[in-house]
Amino acid sequence: FYRGRIKVLETPSVERVALDAPDRKAALFRLEVPAEAFKPGFYTCQVNVIDAVAGKFAFPRLAMLVR
């Protein structure tokens, strides 16, 4: 999680070895973070996805507003 260019929280890595939703070709995971880690404001959540077998990667980002 970033606030501007400053990293405010990083979660442990999650390793998936199988597809949980084969019809969507997707591996599922749940992310839980402590609410007290976030002061009011805008944040960006970046998820780093690395497919070592295919040699591909992606870095999707989601916006989050804490009030």
N, C-alpha and C. Protein backbone atom coordinates (compact mmCIF):
# COMPACT_ATOMS: atom_id res chain seq x y z
N PHE A 1 0.84 -1.16 0.00
CA PHE A 1 0.00 0.00 0.00
C PHE A 1 0.89 1.23 0.00
N TYR A 2 0.57 2.16 -0.87
CA TYR A 2 1.32 3.40 -1.00
C TYR A 2 0.39 4.58 -0.73
N ARG A 3 0.94 5.60 -0.12
CA ARG A 3 0.26 6.89 0.00
C ARG A 3 1.17 7.87 -0.73
N GLY A 4 0.75 8.23 -1.94
CA GLY A 4 1.66 8.98 -2.80
C GLY A 4 2.78 8.04 -3.23
N ARG A 5 4.01 8.46 -2.99
CA ARG A 5 5.17 7.62 -3.34
C ARG A 5 5.73 6.87 -2.13
N ILE A 6 5.07 7.03 -0.99
CA ILE A 6 5.57 6.43 0.25
C ILE A 6 4.87 5.10 0.53
N LYS A 7 5.64 4.04 0.71
CA LYS A 7 5.08 2.73 1.05
C LYS A 7 4.71 2.76 2.52
N VAL A 8 3.43 2.49 2.82
CA VAL A 8 2.97 2.51 4.21
C VAL A 8 2.74 1.12 4.78
N LEU A 9 2.57 0.13 3.92
CA LEU A 9 2.33 -1.23 4.41
C LEU A 9 2.68 -2.23 3.32
N GLU A 10 3.35 -3.30 3.72
CA GLU A 10 3.65 -4.40 2.80
C GLU A 10 3.25 -5.69 3.49
N THR A 11 2.51 -6.54 2.80
CA THR A 11 2.08 -7.80 3.38
C THR A 11 3.07 -8.90 3.03
N PRO A 12 3.06 -10.01 3.75
CA PRO A 12 3.91 -11.14 3.37
C PRO A 12 3.51 -11.69 1.99
N SER A 13 4.44 -12.32 1.33
CA SER A 13 4.16 -12.92 0.02
C SER A 13 3.17 -14.08 0.16
N VAL A 14 2.38 -14.26 -0.89
CA VAL A 14 1.44 -15.38 -0.97
C VAL A 14 1.82 -16.18 -2.20
N GLU A 15 2.16 -17.45 -2.01
CA GLU A 15 2.54 -18.29 -3.14
C GLU A 15 1.41 -19.25 -3.47
N ARG A 16 1.03 -19.27 -4.72
CA ARG A 16 -0.01 -20.18 -5.20
C ARG A 16 0.62 -21.14 -6.18
N VAL A 17 0.28 -22.43 -6.07
CA VAL A 17 0.86 -23.43 -6.97
C VAL A 17 -0.20 -24.08 -7.86
N ALA A 18 -1.46 -23.69 -7.67
CA ALA A 18 -2.56 -24.25 -8.47
C ALA A 18 -3.62 -23.19 -8.71
N LEU A 19 -4.41 -23.39 -9.75
CA LEU A 19 -5.52 -22.48 -10.03
C LEU A 19 -6.72 -22.85 -9.16
N ASP A 20 -7.28 -21.87 -8.47
CA ASP A 20 -8.44 -22.09 -7.62
C ASP A 20 -9.74 -22.00 -8.42
N ALA A 21 -9.71 -21.24 -9.50
CA ALA A 21 -10.87 -21.06 -10.37
C ALA A 21 -10.42 -21.37 -11.80
N PRO A 22 -10.34 -22.65 -12.16
CA PRO A 22 -9.82 -23.02 -13.48
C PRO A 22 -10.64 -22.46 -14.64
N ASP A 23 -11.94 -22.27 -14.41
CA ASP A 23 -12.77 -21.71 -15.49
C ASP A 23 -12.37 -20.27 -15.82
N ARG A 24 -11.79 -19.57 -14.86
CA ARG A 24 -11.32 -18.19 -15.06
C ARG A 24 -9.81 -18.13 -15.23
N LYS A 25 -9.15 -19.30 -15.10
CA LYS A 25 -7.69 -19.37 -15.12
C LYS A 25 -7.11 -18.42 -14.07
N ALA A 26 -7.63 -18.54 -12.82
CA ALA A 26 -7.27 -17.60 -11.76
C ALA A 26 -6.87 -18.31 -10.48
N ALA A 27 -5.91 -17.73 -9.80
CA ALA A 27 -5.55 -18.14 -8.44
C ALA A 27 -6.16 -17.10 -7.51
N LEU A 28 -6.85 -17.55 -6.48
CA LEU A 28 -7.54 -16.65 -5.57
C LEU A 28 -6.76 -16.45 -4.28
N PHE A 29 -6.86 -15.27 -3.72
CA PHE A 29 -6.26 -15.00 -2.42
C PHE A 29 -7.05 -13.90 -1.73
N ARG A 30 -6.93 -13.85 -0.41
CA ARG A 30 -7.61 -12.83 0.39
C ARG A 30 -6.54 -12.02 1.10
N LEU A 31 -6.76 -10.72 1.13
CA LEU A 31 -5.81 -9.81 1.75
C LEU A 31 -6.49 -9.12 2.93
N GLU A 32 -5.94 -9.29 4.11
CA GLU A 32 -6.46 -8.62 5.30
C GLU A 32 -5.36 -7.75 5.86
N VAL A 33 -5.72 -6.49 6.13
CA VAL A 33 -4.74 -5.54 6.65
C VAL A 33 -5.33 -4.85 7.88
N PRO A 34 -4.48 -4.42 8.82
CA PRO A 34 -4.98 -3.75 10.01
C PRO A 34 -5.47 -2.34 9.68
N ALA A 35 -6.69 -2.02 10.06
CA ALA A 35 -7.26 -0.71 9.76
C ALA A 35 -6.46 0.43 10.39
N GLU A 36 -5.88 0.17 11.55
CA GLU A 36 -5.13 1.23 12.23
C GLU A 36 -3.85 1.62 11.50
N ALA A 37 -3.46 0.86 10.49
CA ALA A 37 -2.27 1.19 9.70
C ALA A 37 -2.52 2.33 8.73
N PHE A 38 -3.80 2.72 8.56
CA PHE A 38 -4.15 3.72 7.55
C PHE A 38 -4.78 4.95 8.18
N LYS A 39 -4.15 6.10 7.96
CA LYS A 39 -4.74 7.38 8.34
C LYS A 39 -5.68 7.78 7.20
N PRO A 40 -6.63 8.67 7.45
CA PRO A 40 -7.52 9.11 6.37
C PRO A 40 -6.72 9.65 5.18
N GLY A 41 -7.17 9.29 3.98
CA GLY A 41 -6.53 9.76 2.76
C GLY A 41 -6.63 8.75 1.64
N PHE A 42 -5.99 9.07 0.52
CA PHE A 42 -5.98 8.20 -0.65
C PHE A 42 -4.76 7.29 -0.63
N TYR A 43 -4.98 6.03 -1.01
CA TYR A 43 -3.92 5.04 -1.06
C TYR A 43 -4.01 4.28 -2.38
N THR A 44 -2.89 3.67 -2.75
CA THR A 44 -2.84 2.78 -3.90
C THR A 44 -2.40 1.41 -3.40
N CYS A 45 -3.18 0.39 -3.74
CA CYS A 45 -2.82 -0.98 -3.41
C CYS A 45 -2.26 -1.60 -4.68
N GLN A 46 -1.01 -2.02 -4.62
CA GLN A 46 -0.38 -2.66 -5.78
C GLN A 46 -0.15 -4.13 -5.46
N VAL A 47 -0.61 -5.00 -6.34
CA VAL A 47 -0.42 -6.44 -6.19
C VAL A 47 0.57 -6.89 -7.25
N ASN A 48 1.68 -7.46 -6.82
CA ASN A 48 2.70 -7.95 -7.75
C ASN A 48 2.41 -9.41 -8.06
N VAL A 49 2.12 -9.70 -9.32
CA VAL A 49 1.81 -11.06 -9.75
C VAL A 49 2.95 -11.55 -10.64
N ILE A 50 3.57 -12.65 -10.23
CA ILE A 50 4.71 -13.19 -10.97
C ILE A 50 4.41 -14.64 -11.33
N ASP A 51 4.41 -14.93 -12.62
CA ASP A 51 4.22 -16.30 -13.12
C ASP A 51 5.59 -16.80 -13.57
N ALA A 52 6.27 -17.50 -12.67
CA ALA A 52 7.63 -17.96 -12.96
C ALA A 52 7.66 -18.99 -14.09
N VAL A 53 6.63 -19.81 -14.21
CA VAL A 53 6.59 -20.84 -15.26
C VAL A 53 6.48 -20.19 -16.63
N ALA A 54 5.56 -19.24 -16.77
CA ALA A 54 5.35 -18.58 -18.06
C ALA A 54 6.34 -17.44 -18.30
N GLY A 55 7.04 -17.02 -17.24
CA GLY A 55 7.98 -15.91 -17.38
C GLY A 55 7.27 -14.58 -17.59
N LYS A 56 6.09 -14.43 -16.98
CA LYS A 56 5.31 -13.20 -17.12
C LYS A 56 5.07 -12.57 -15.76
N PHE A 57 4.77 -11.26 -15.76
CA PHE A 57 4.47 -10.57 -14.52
C PHE A 57 3.48 -9.44 -14.80
N ALA A 58 2.79 -9.01 -13.74
CA ALA A 58 1.84 -7.90 -13.83
C ALA A 58 1.82 -7.19 -12.48
N PHE A 59 1.46 -5.92 -12.50
CA PHE A 59 1.41 -5.12 -11.28
C PHE A 59 0.11 -4.32 -11.23
N PRO A 60 -1.03 -4.99 -11.10
CA PRO A 60 -2.30 -4.24 -11.05
C PRO A 60 -2.36 -3.36 -9.80
N ARG A 61 -3.03 -2.22 -9.95
CA ARG A 61 -3.16 -1.27 -8.84
C ARG A 61 -4.63 -0.91 -8.64
N LEU A 62 -4.98 -0.75 -7.37
CA LEU A 62 -6.35 -0.37 -7.00
C LEU A 62 -6.28 0.87 -6.12
N ALA A 63 -7.19 1.81 -6.34
CA ALA A 63 -7.27 3.01 -5.50
C ALA A 63 -8.14 2.73 -4.29
N MET A 64 -7.77 3.33 -3.15
CA MET A 64 -8.53 3.14 -1.92
C MET A 64 -8.59 4.48 -1.19
N LEU A 65 -9.78 4.82 -0.71
CA LEU A 65 -9.97 6.05 0.07
C LEU A 65 -10.33 5.65 1.49
N VAL A 66 -9.58 6.15 2.45
CA VAL A 66 -9.88 5.92 3.86
C VAL A 66 -10.43 7.23 4.41
N ARG A 67 -11.60 7.16 5.03
CA ARG A 67 -12.21 8.36 5.61
C ARG A 67 -12.11 8.35 7.10
